[in-house]
Amino acid sequence: MAADRLSPLDATFLHVEDAASHMHVACALVFDGHPPAYEDLLEHVAARLHLVPRYRQRLATVPFEQGRPKWVDDERFDLRFHVRNTALPSPGSEYELQVLCGRVFSQQLRRDRPLWEMWLVEGLEGRRFAILSKTHHALVDGISGLDILSVLFAPDDEAAGTRAAWTPRVAPSGLSLLAEALVERATRPFEIVRGVRALLRGPRQAVSRLAETAVGIGAMTWAGLQPAPPSPYNADVVGPDRRFTWLRASLGEVKAIKNALGGTVNDVVLTVVTGALRRHLLRRGEDVSGLELKAFVPVSVRRENQRGTGTLGNQVAGMIAPLPVHCAEPAECLAEISDALRGLKESGQAVGAQALTELTGFAPPNVIQQASRLVTRQRFVNLVVTNVPGPQFPLSLDGRELTDIFPMVPLGSNLTFGVAIVSYNGTMNFGLVGDFNAMYDLDALPGDFAAALEELAGAAGVELSRRPEPALI
């Protein structure tokens, strides 16, 4: 059952979580049509749970913190605890849905239960309904989270298959967990020896890989030693309550901008974020001259053949990317960001981040826990910006089409604002989350993002089919 133990990175998301920093990823899913009956939704999810076995497992901790937690079957599993229902005052606006999202996403997941929730929300205007999904970051990253959605809401019944009766396995005792963890720790030096022998069998490739990793670790460490500048997106005290809003855009038009001005889709996205934050800072009276914010940009290292296979957990590295909010010209800003990201990729920063994460597997768990909390208290970055490619085909729930996915990234201990982007079926939607008090003006941010995208499209000579749509209050 060693494969059921959390990886060092998965465990980190448990260590850094506290009463104010909730480490769950979330999203609001908007569907066309009348909502299903609650009992029908329960049956729909139940028919697919065998495809996501982690959804029926809870965490078992090792006594005295002598090992990372393990996933074990939850003998008390009750689908009704995880799938819930509520309603907006009909007809509920998207703004009212966003307020509800903020409240639901502000609630911490129970550690003694499987780490996920799903809320059916009725009463959305325009003959629509929503499903709010919350899953702990220890269980999924952005890619595997979307893979789960693809399983739960695949067209027709192609994902359901044949389900067998589920009987939970008896959870190991605390003594058993402790003994197994101590055995794993004792045998770890032999794993290192086997790894060295494997390297010696392919010395040329090994030296090349080690050199690449060493350079990457150096680049990532140097980036982390440079403190991020003061900004409204960092605070010494961040509360548990969240605001949430979103913006719709077109993936095709973002690609057209990329084709006209150069760079990548991610470069264009970061340029839009930069332009939006410039507007936000100026509106708050901040001085942006010479100001360059620092964004942590997660990079998936999940292999393509692992997608859709039920492989969960976190398989991400990351880069610390500059956001030149001092730059007033969008095309120049895009060129600056493209050059910077190209340099970061050549420096191997993402490789270094992945290697540092893997190295934590050889440290005692209590040391990792203290180090994780210490790191999250430092101001290395101003915000997190994550861009996750989703399925480019329509998903549905019993014939009701999923029209929009609005994602939410969790906020670390000193971060007050985060941006998550998901491309789905030709759309590119931005989910914006903020600390309730520090980001009191979050509702104005979608307008800033829309204006930044329009300005960049104008510089590229790309005509937007419609103005990017923030929800109206």
Protein backbone atom coordinates (compact mmCIF):
# COMPACT_ATOMS: atom_id res chain seq x y z
CA MET A 1 0.00 0.00 0.00
CA ALA A 2 3.06 2.30 -0.21
CA ALA A 3 1.60 3.86 -3.35
CA ASP A 4 -1.26 5.16 -1.16
CA ARG A 5 1.08 7.40 0.82
CA LEU A 6 0.99 11.10 0.00
CA SER A 7 3.91 12.42 -2.01
CA PRO A 8 6.07 15.12 -0.40
CA LEU A 9 4.36 17.78 -2.53
CA ASP A 10 0.87 16.48 -1.74
CA ALA A 11 1.71 16.52 1.97
CA THR A 12 3.00 20.08 1.71
CA PHE A 13 -0.53 21.30 0.95
CA LEU A 14 -1.62 19.81 4.27
CA HIS A 15 1.27 21.37 6.18
CA VAL A 16 0.65 24.91 4.93
CA GLU A 17 -3.10 24.81 5.52
CA ASP A 18 -4.40 26.62 8.58
CA ALA A 19 -7.63 28.23 9.76
CA ALA A 20 -7.22 31.10 7.26
CA SER A 21 -5.36 29.50 4.34
CA HIS A 22 -7.57 26.79 2.90
CA MET A 23 -5.74 24.58 0.44
CA HIS A 24 -8.59 23.40 -1.76
CA VAL A 25 -8.94 24.04 -5.47
CA ALA A 26 -12.45 24.80 -6.61
CA CYS A 27 -14.57 25.75 -9.58
CA ALA A 28 -18.04 26.87 -10.52
CA LEU A 29 -19.61 24.84 -13.34
CA VAL A 30 -22.52 26.46 -15.18
CA PHE A 31 -24.97 24.26 -17.10
CA ASP A 32 -27.81 24.99 -19.51
CA GLY A 33 -31.24 23.60 -18.70
CA HIS A 34 -33.32 22.81 -15.65
CA PRO A 35 -31.34 21.33 -12.76
CA PRO A 36 -31.49 17.61 -12.10
CA ALA A 37 -33.29 16.39 -9.03
CA TYR A 38 -30.92 16.00 -6.10
CA GLU A 39 -31.49 12.23 -6.00
CA ASP A 40 -30.69 11.99 -9.72
CA LEU A 41 -27.40 13.86 -9.20
CA LEU A 42 -26.51 11.48 -6.38
CA GLU A 43 -27.13 8.52 -8.67
CA HIS A 44 -25.11 10.13 -11.47
CA VAL A 45 -22.08 10.63 -9.21
CA ALA A 46 -22.47 7.22 -7.53
CA ALA A 47 -22.36 5.53 -10.94
CA ARG A 48 -18.90 7.03 -11.55
CA LEU A 49 -17.24 6.83 -8.14
CA HIS A 50 -15.47 3.60 -9.04
CA LEU A 51 -13.52 5.64 -11.61
CA VAL A 52 -12.27 8.02 -8.89
CA PRO A 53 -11.49 5.72 -5.92
CA ARG A 54 -9.80 8.52 -3.94
CA TYR A 55 -13.25 10.11 -3.58
CA ARG A 56 -14.11 7.34 -1.09
CA GLN A 57 -10.86 7.58 0.87
CA ARG A 58 -9.77 9.70 3.82
CA LEU A 59 -6.37 10.51 5.26
CA ALA A 60 -4.82 8.42 8.03
CA THR A 61 -2.00 10.16 9.87
CA VAL A 62 1.11 8.39 11.15
CA PRO A 63 1.59 8.64 14.94
CA PHE A 64 4.22 11.12 16.15
CA GLU A 65 4.50 12.54 12.61
CA GLN A 66 6.95 9.80 11.65
CA GLY A 67 5.70 9.56 8.07
CA ARG A 68 3.47 11.18 5.53
CA PRO A 69 -0.27 10.43 5.76
CA LYS A 70 -1.83 7.60 3.76
CA TRP A 71 -5.09 7.26 1.88
CA VAL A 72 -7.39 4.65 3.43
CA ASP A 73 -10.98 3.70 2.69
CA ASP A 74 -13.53 5.71 4.65
CA GLU A 75 -15.72 3.21 6.50
CA ARG A 76 -18.26 6.00 7.15
CA PHE A 77 -18.43 7.17 3.54
CA ASP A 78 -21.79 8.77 2.78
CA LEU A 79 -22.27 10.39 -0.61
CA ARG A 80 -24.89 12.76 0.80
CA PHE A 81 -22.24 14.30 3.05
CA HIS A 82 -20.20 15.29 -0.01
CA VAL A 83 -22.92 16.11 -2.57
CA ARG A 84 -25.11 18.92 -1.26
CA ASN A 85 -27.78 21.20 -2.68
CA THR A 86 -28.86 24.79 -2.28
CA ALA A 87 -30.65 27.45 -4.33
CA LEU A 88 -30.41 31.12 -5.27
CA PRO A 89 -33.49 33.35 -4.89
CA SER A 90 -34.91 32.76 -8.39
CA PRO A 91 -34.02 34.22 -10.80
CA GLY A 92 -30.54 34.40 -9.33
CA SER A 93 -27.94 36.51 -11.12
CA GLU A 94 -24.36 35.48 -11.82
CA TYR A 95 -23.26 38.03 -9.24
CA GLU A 96 -25.38 36.28 -6.61
CA LEU A 97 -23.81 32.99 -7.69
CA GLN A 98 -20.36 34.54 -7.23
CA VAL A 99 -21.27 35.66 -3.70
CA LEU A 100 -22.37 32.10 -2.93
CA CYS A 101 -19.11 30.77 -4.40
CA GLY A 102 -17.15 33.05 -2.10
CA ARG A 103 -18.99 31.70 0.93
CA VAL A 104 -18.72 28.03 -0.05
CA PHE A 105 -15.07 28.36 -1.04
CA SER A 106 -14.32 30.02 2.34
CA GLN A 107 -15.23 26.84 4.23
CA GLN A 108 -12.42 24.43 5.03
CA LEU A 109 -12.77 20.77 4.05
CA ARG A 110 -13.03 18.24 6.88
CA ARG A 111 -9.78 16.30 7.35
CA ASP A 112 -11.58 13.25 8.77
CA ARG A 113 -13.60 12.75 5.57
CA PRO A 114 -12.72 12.32 1.88
CA LEU A 115 -11.39 15.71 0.83
CA TRP A 116 -14.03 16.91 -1.62
CA GLU A 117 -17.47 18.49 -1.86
CA MET A 118 -19.97 19.20 -4.63
CA TRP A 119 -22.88 21.66 -4.38
CA LEU A 120 -25.89 21.66 -6.70
CA VAL A 121 -27.12 25.27 -7.05
CA GLU A 122 -30.59 25.82 -8.44
CA GLY A 123 -32.31 29.04 -9.47
CA LEU A 124 -29.74 30.62 -11.81
CA GLU A 125 -31.29 32.99 -14.33
CA GLY A 126 -31.64 31.98 -17.98
CA ARG A 127 -32.84 28.41 -17.32
CA ARG A 128 -29.44 27.47 -15.92
CA PHE A 129 -28.00 25.86 -12.82
CA ALA A 130 -24.54 25.48 -11.35
CA ILE A 131 -22.42 22.92 -9.57
CA LEU A 132 -19.70 24.11 -7.20
CA SER A 133 -16.80 21.70 -6.81
CA LYS A 134 -14.17 21.73 -4.05
CA THR A 135 -11.26 19.29 -3.83
CA HIS A 136 -8.22 19.51 -1.58
CA HIS A 137 -4.93 20.30 -3.28
CA ALA A 138 -3.41 17.29 -1.52
CA LEU A 139 -5.70 15.15 -3.69
CA VAL A 140 -5.48 16.86 -7.09
CA ASP A 141 -3.63 19.47 -9.10
CA GLY A 142 -5.29 21.52 -11.83
CA ILE A 143 -4.84 18.93 -14.56
CA SER A 144 -6.10 15.94 -12.57
CA GLY A 145 -8.95 18.06 -11.23
CA LEU A 146 -10.17 18.67 -14.76
CA ASP A 147 -9.67 14.99 -15.55
CA ILE A 148 -12.12 14.19 -12.73
CA LEU A 149 -14.65 16.63 -14.19
CA SER A 150 -14.23 14.95 -17.56
CA VAL A 151 -15.06 11.62 -15.92
CA LEU A 152 -18.03 12.91 -13.94
CA PHE A 153 -19.53 14.91 -16.79
CA ALA A 154 -18.50 12.99 -19.90
CA PRO A 155 -21.02 13.12 -22.77
CA ASP A 156 -23.79 10.55 -22.57
CA ASP A 157 -22.87 7.53 -20.44
CA GLU A 158 -19.44 6.76 -21.86
CA ALA A 159 -17.75 7.24 -18.47
CA ALA A 160 -20.15 5.28 -16.30
CA GLY A 161 -19.23 1.72 -17.25
CA THR A 162 -20.00 -1.16 -14.94
CA ARG A 163 -19.72 -0.53 -11.22
CA ALA A 164 -19.16 -3.24 -8.67
CA ALA A 165 -20.39 -3.17 -5.10
CA TRP A 166 -17.93 -1.27 -2.92
CA THR A 167 -16.82 -2.61 0.42
CA PRO A 168 -14.33 -0.44 2.35
CA ARG A 169 -11.09 -2.10 3.39
CA VAL A 170 -10.34 -2.04 7.10
CA ALA A 171 -8.10 0.92 7.90
CA PRO A 172 -4.66 0.08 9.34
CA SER A 173 -4.09 0.74 13.02
CA GLY A 174 -1.89 3.56 14.24
CA LEU A 175 0.75 1.03 15.28
CA SER A 176 0.69 -0.53 11.81
CA LEU A 177 1.05 2.89 10.17
CA LEU A 178 3.96 3.74 12.43
CA ALA A 179 5.75 0.45 11.79
CA GLU A 180 5.35 0.75 8.03
CA ALA A 181 6.62 4.33 8.04
CA LEU A 182 9.70 3.37 10.06
CA VAL A 183 10.45 0.49 7.69
CA GLU A 184 10.16 2.82 4.70
CA ARG A 185 12.55 5.27 6.34
CA ALA A 186 15.04 2.52 7.16
CA THR A 187 15.05 1.23 3.58
CA ARG A 188 15.33 4.67 1.99
CA PRO A 189 19.18 4.65 1.99
CA PHE A 190 19.07 1.45 -0.06
CA GLU A 191 16.81 3.22 -2.56
CA ILE A 192 19.46 5.93 -2.87
CA VAL A 193 22.15 3.30 -3.50
CA ARG A 194 20.01 1.69 -6.21
CA GLY A 195 19.54 5.11 -7.78
CA VAL A 196 23.30 5.75 -7.84
CA ARG A 197 23.90 2.37 -9.48
CA ALA A 198 21.32 3.21 -12.13
CA LEU A 199 23.09 6.50 -12.80
CA LEU A 200 26.44 4.74 -13.21
CA ARG A 201 24.96 2.47 -15.87
CA GLY A 202 24.27 5.53 -18.05
CA PRO A 203 26.98 8.02 -17.00
CA ARG A 204 26.76 10.42 -19.95
CA GLN A 205 23.01 10.88 -19.70
CA ALA A 206 23.27 11.01 -15.91
CA VAL A 207 25.87 13.78 -15.92
CA SER A 208 23.80 15.78 -18.39
CA ARG A 209 20.65 15.37 -16.32
CA LEU A 210 22.44 16.20 -13.05
CA ALA A 211 23.96 19.32 -14.58
CA GLU A 212 20.58 20.44 -15.90
CA THR A 213 18.98 19.85 -12.51
CA ALA A 214 21.77 21.65 -10.64
CA VAL A 215 21.45 24.70 -12.88
CA GLY A 216 17.67 24.63 -12.43
CA ILE A 217 17.92 24.39 -8.64
CA GLY A 218 20.30 27.34 -8.67
CA ALA A 219 17.92 29.40 -10.80
CA MET A 220 14.90 28.55 -8.65
CA THR A 221 16.79 29.23 -5.41
CA TRP A 222 18.08 32.59 -6.67
CA ALA A 223 14.57 33.58 -7.76
CA GLY A 224 13.22 32.66 -4.35
CA LEU A 225 15.87 34.74 -2.57
CA GLN A 226 14.72 37.90 -4.34
CA PRO A 227 11.79 39.27 -2.31
CA ALA A 228 8.67 40.37 -4.13
CA PRO A 229 7.90 44.10 -3.98
CA PRO A 230 5.23 45.38 -1.58
CA SER A 231 1.76 45.32 -3.12
CA PRO A 232 -1.93 45.11 -2.18
CA TYR A 233 -1.72 41.43 -3.17
CA ASN A 234 0.31 40.58 -0.04
CA ALA A 235 -0.61 41.06 3.61
CA ASP A 236 0.75 40.00 6.97
CA VAL A 237 -2.72 38.84 7.99
CA VAL A 238 -5.04 37.12 5.51
CA GLY A 239 -8.45 36.03 6.75
CA PRO A 240 -10.40 32.87 5.90
CA ASP A 241 -13.16 34.59 3.93
CA ARG A 242 -13.04 34.93 0.15
CA ARG A 243 -14.54 36.94 -2.66
CA PHE A 244 -14.84 35.29 -6.08
CA THR A 245 -15.62 36.64 -9.53
CA TRP A 246 -14.91 35.77 -13.16
CA LEU A 247 -14.51 36.83 -16.75
CA ARG A 248 -15.30 35.08 -20.04
CA ALA A 249 -12.99 35.25 -23.07
CA SER A 250 -12.41 33.33 -26.31
CA LEU A 251 -9.54 30.86 -26.65
CA GLY A 252 -9.52 31.36 -30.43
CA GLU A 253 -9.08 35.12 -30.07
CA VAL A 254 -6.29 34.70 -27.51
CA LYS A 255 -4.54 32.41 -30.00
CA ALA A 256 -5.06 35.01 -32.75
CA ILE A 257 -3.32 37.62 -30.59
CA LYS A 258 -0.47 35.17 -30.00
CA ASN A 259 -0.15 34.52 -33.74
CA ALA A 260 -0.10 38.24 -34.53
CA LEU A 261 2.34 39.42 -31.85
CA GLY A 262 4.37 36.29 -31.10
CA GLY A 263 4.93 34.40 -27.88
CA THR A 264 2.72 31.69 -26.46
CA VAL A 265 -0.85 31.52 -25.18
CA ASN A 266 0.54 31.66 -21.64
CA ASP A 267 2.54 34.78 -22.52
CA VAL A 268 -0.66 36.44 -23.74
CA VAL A 269 -2.49 35.41 -20.57
CA LEU A 270 0.23 36.85 -18.33
CA THR A 271 0.22 40.07 -20.38
CA VAL A 272 -3.53 40.42 -19.81
CA VAL A 273 -3.01 39.81 -16.07
CA THR A 274 -0.25 42.44 -16.04
CA GLY A 275 -2.39 45.02 -17.82
CA ALA A 276 -5.33 44.37 -15.51
CA LEU A 277 -3.23 44.70 -12.36
CA ARG A 278 -1.69 47.92 -13.68
CA ARG A 279 -5.19 49.38 -13.97
CA HIS A 280 -6.14 48.12 -10.54
CA LEU A 281 -3.04 49.56 -8.89
CA LEU A 282 -3.46 52.94 -10.58
CA ARG A 283 -7.10 53.10 -9.49
CA ARG A 284 -5.93 52.51 -5.91
CA GLY A 285 -3.43 55.35 -6.24
CA GLU A 286 -0.35 53.11 -6.26
CA ASP A 287 2.89 54.21 -7.96
CA VAL A 288 3.65 51.71 -10.75
CA SER A 289 6.75 53.40 -12.18
CA GLY A 290 9.49 50.78 -12.41
CA LEU A 291 7.26 48.25 -10.64
CA GLU A 292 7.57 44.58 -11.57
CA LEU A 293 5.39 42.13 -9.68
CA LYS A 294 6.36 38.47 -9.26
CA ALA A 295 3.89 35.70 -10.09
CA PHE A 296 4.28 32.03 -9.29
CA VAL A 297 3.22 30.17 -12.43
CA PRO A 298 2.65 26.41 -11.90
CA VAL A 299 3.91 24.16 -14.69
CA SER A 300 2.47 20.67 -15.07
CA VAL A 301 5.00 17.83 -15.29
CA ARG A 302 2.20 15.30 -15.72
CA ARG A 303 2.89 13.14 -18.77
CA GLU A 304 0.22 13.18 -21.45
CA ASN A 305 -0.26 9.41 -21.15
CA GLN A 306 -1.18 9.92 -17.47
CA ARG A 307 -4.19 12.08 -18.29
CA GLY A 308 -7.51 10.32 -17.97
CA THR A 309 -5.92 7.31 -16.25
CA GLY A 310 -7.09 8.10 -12.72
CA THR A 311 -3.60 9.24 -11.68
CA LEU A 312 -4.28 11.93 -9.09
CA GLY A 313 -2.00 13.83 -6.74
CA ASN A 314 0.17 16.80 -7.66
CA GLN A 315 2.59 16.62 -10.55
CA VAL A 316 3.58 20.25 -10.91
CA ALA A 317 6.67 22.39 -10.79
CA GLY A 318 6.70 26.13 -11.29
CA MET A 319 8.42 29.32 -12.33
CA ILE A 320 8.55 32.79 -10.80
CA ALA A 321 7.56 35.06 -13.67
CA PRO A 322 7.86 38.86 -13.82
CA LEU A 323 4.75 40.97 -14.42
CA PRO A 324 6.00 44.40 -15.64
CA VAL A 325 3.08 46.55 -14.49
CA HIS A 326 5.23 49.62 -15.16
CA CYS A 327 4.79 49.00 -18.90
CA ALA A 328 1.95 51.01 -20.46
CA GLU A 329 2.19 49.58 -24.00
CA PRO A 330 0.58 46.11 -24.24
CA ALA A 331 2.67 44.89 -27.20
CA GLU A 332 5.89 45.91 -25.43
CA CYS A 333 4.66 44.22 -22.28
CA LEU A 334 4.00 40.98 -24.18
CA ALA A 335 7.47 41.07 -25.74
CA GLU A 336 9.07 41.65 -22.32
CA ILE A 337 7.13 38.79 -20.74
CA SER A 338 7.88 36.44 -23.66
CA ASP A 339 11.61 37.16 -23.41
CA ALA A 340 11.57 36.68 -19.64
CA LEU A 341 9.71 33.36 -19.78
CA ARG A 342 11.97 32.10 -22.53
CA GLY A 343 14.93 32.85 -20.28
CA LEU A 344 13.28 31.13 -17.32
CA LYS A 345 12.69 28.00 -19.37
CA GLU A 346 16.31 28.01 -20.56
CA SER A 347 17.50 28.44 -16.97
CA GLY A 348 15.62 25.27 -16.01
CA GLN A 349 13.76 26.97 -13.16
CA ALA A 350 10.83 24.54 -13.45
CA VAL A 351 13.24 21.56 -13.48
CA GLY A 352 14.86 22.96 -10.35
CA ALA A 353 11.54 23.42 -8.59
CA GLN A 354 10.57 19.83 -9.36
CA ALA A 355 13.93 18.54 -8.11
CA LEU A 356 13.67 20.51 -4.86
CA THR A 357 10.23 19.03 -4.28
CA GLU A 358 11.48 15.50 -4.89
CA LEU A 359 14.40 16.04 -2.50
CA THR A 360 11.94 16.65 0.35
CA GLY A 361 11.09 12.96 0.18
CA PHE A 362 14.36 12.25 2.02
CA ALA A 363 13.69 14.64 4.92
CA PRO A 364 11.83 13.71 8.12
CA PRO A 365 8.15 14.69 7.90
CA ASN A 366 8.27 17.04 10.90
CA VAL A 367 11.15 18.94 9.27
CA ILE A 368 9.19 19.23 6.02
CA GLN A 369 6.17 20.49 7.95
CA GLN A 370 8.12 23.26 9.68
CA ALA A 371 9.96 24.20 6.49
CA SER A 372 6.72 24.36 4.50
CA ARG A 373 5.15 26.75 6.99
CA LEU A 374 8.28 28.90 7.10
CA VAL A 375 8.46 29.20 3.31
CA THR A 376 4.81 30.20 2.93
CA ARG A 377 5.31 33.04 5.41
CA GLN A 378 7.99 34.61 3.19
CA ARG A 379 7.09 37.07 0.44
CA PHE A 380 8.71 35.42 -2.57
CA VAL A 381 5.81 36.19 -4.91
CA ASN A 382 2.92 38.63 -5.13
CA LEU A 383 0.35 36.21 -6.52
CA VAL A 384 -0.27 32.87 -8.21
CA VAL A 385 -1.38 32.71 -11.85
CA THR A 386 -2.30 29.25 -13.11
CA ASN A 387 -3.46 28.43 -16.63
CA VAL A 388 -4.87 24.93 -17.11
CA PRO A 389 -5.89 23.50 -20.50
CA GLY A 390 -9.26 21.80 -20.28
CA PRO A 391 -11.17 19.53 -22.68
CA GLN A 392 -11.96 21.09 -26.04
CA PHE A 393 -15.25 19.24 -26.39
CA PRO A 394 -18.54 19.79 -24.55
CA LEU A 395 -19.19 18.03 -21.27
CA SER A 396 -22.70 17.43 -20.00
CA LEU A 397 -24.84 16.16 -17.16
CA ASP A 398 -27.60 13.87 -18.42
CA GLY A 399 -27.98 15.90 -21.61
CA ARG A 400 -27.56 19.32 -19.95
CA GLU A 401 -24.52 20.99 -21.53
CA LEU A 402 -21.73 22.39 -19.38
CA THR A 403 -21.21 25.89 -20.82
CA ASP A 404 -18.63 27.42 -18.46
CA ILE A 405 -15.91 26.42 -16.01
CA PHE A 406 -14.75 29.16 -13.62
CA PRO A 407 -11.72 27.97 -11.58
CA MET A 408 -10.38 29.08 -8.20
CA VAL A 409 -6.80 28.80 -6.95
CA PRO A 410 -6.18 28.70 -3.16
CA LEU A 411 -4.46 31.63 -1.46
CA GLY A 412 -1.26 31.03 0.49
CA SER A 413 -0.69 32.50 3.92
CA ASN A 414 0.32 36.01 2.82
CA LEU A 415 -1.42 36.22 -0.57
CA THR A 416 -4.62 38.23 -0.97
CA PHE A 417 -5.28 37.63 -4.67
CA GLY A 418 -4.98 34.82 -7.20
CA VAL A 419 -5.85 34.14 -10.83
CA ALA A 420 -6.85 30.80 -12.35
CA ILE A 421 -7.61 30.31 -16.04
CA VAL A 422 -9.23 27.33 -17.73
CA SER A 423 -9.71 26.83 -21.46
CA TYR A 424 -12.73 24.67 -22.24
CA ASN A 425 -14.54 23.96 -25.51
CA GLY A 426 -13.27 27.13 -27.21
CA THR A 427 -13.67 29.39 -24.18
CA MET A 428 -10.99 30.80 -21.89
CA ASN A 429 -12.44 31.76 -18.52
CA PHE A 430 -10.65 33.67 -15.76
CA GLY A 431 -11.49 32.96 -12.11
CA LEU A 432 -10.41 35.70 -9.69
CA VAL A 433 -10.24 35.06 -5.95
CA GLY A 434 -9.41 37.54 -3.23
CA ASP A 435 -9.24 37.91 0.51
CA PHE A 436 -12.59 39.37 1.56
CA ASN A 437 -11.12 42.38 3.37
CA ALA A 438 -7.92 43.12 1.45
CA MET A 439 -9.56 42.78 -1.98
CA TYR A 440 -12.67 44.80 -1.17
CA ASP A 441 -12.80 45.99 -4.80
CA LEU A 442 -12.49 42.55 -6.42
CA ASP A 443 -15.76 43.06 -8.32
CA ALA A 444 -14.03 45.77 -10.40
CA LEU A 445 -11.21 43.45 -11.52
CA PRO A 446 -13.12 41.66 -14.33
CA GLY A 447 -13.57 45.06 -16.00
CA ASP A 448 -9.81 45.64 -15.72
CA PHE A 449 -9.13 42.24 -17.29
CA ALA A 450 -11.61 42.94 -20.10
CA ALA A 451 -10.00 46.32 -20.84
CA ALA A 452 -6.49 44.81 -20.83
CA LEU A 453 -7.53 42.07 -23.25
CA GLU A 454 -9.24 44.58 -25.55
CA GLU A 455 -6.17 46.81 -25.57
CA LEU A 456 -3.85 43.90 -26.37
CA ALA A 457 -6.21 42.70 -29.12
CA GLY A 458 -6.18 46.22 -30.59
CA ALA A 459 -2.38 46.22 -30.65
CA ALA A 460 -2.50 42.87 -32.46
CA GLY A 461 -5.13 44.01 -34.96
CA VAL A 462 -7.49 41.32 -33.69
CA GLU A 463 -11.15 42.25 -33.55
CA LEU A 464 -12.92 40.63 -30.63
CA SER A 465 -16.26 39.11 -31.54
CA ARG A 466 -17.71 40.54 -28.34
CA ARG A 467 -16.39 42.40 -25.35
CA PRO A 468 -15.06 39.99 -22.73
CA GLU A 469 -17.91 39.52 -20.28
CA PRO A 470 -17.61 40.16 -16.57
CA ALA A 471 -20.73 39.30 -14.61
CA LEU A 472 -22.92 42.29 -13.79
CA ILE A 473 -24.00 43.17 -10.27
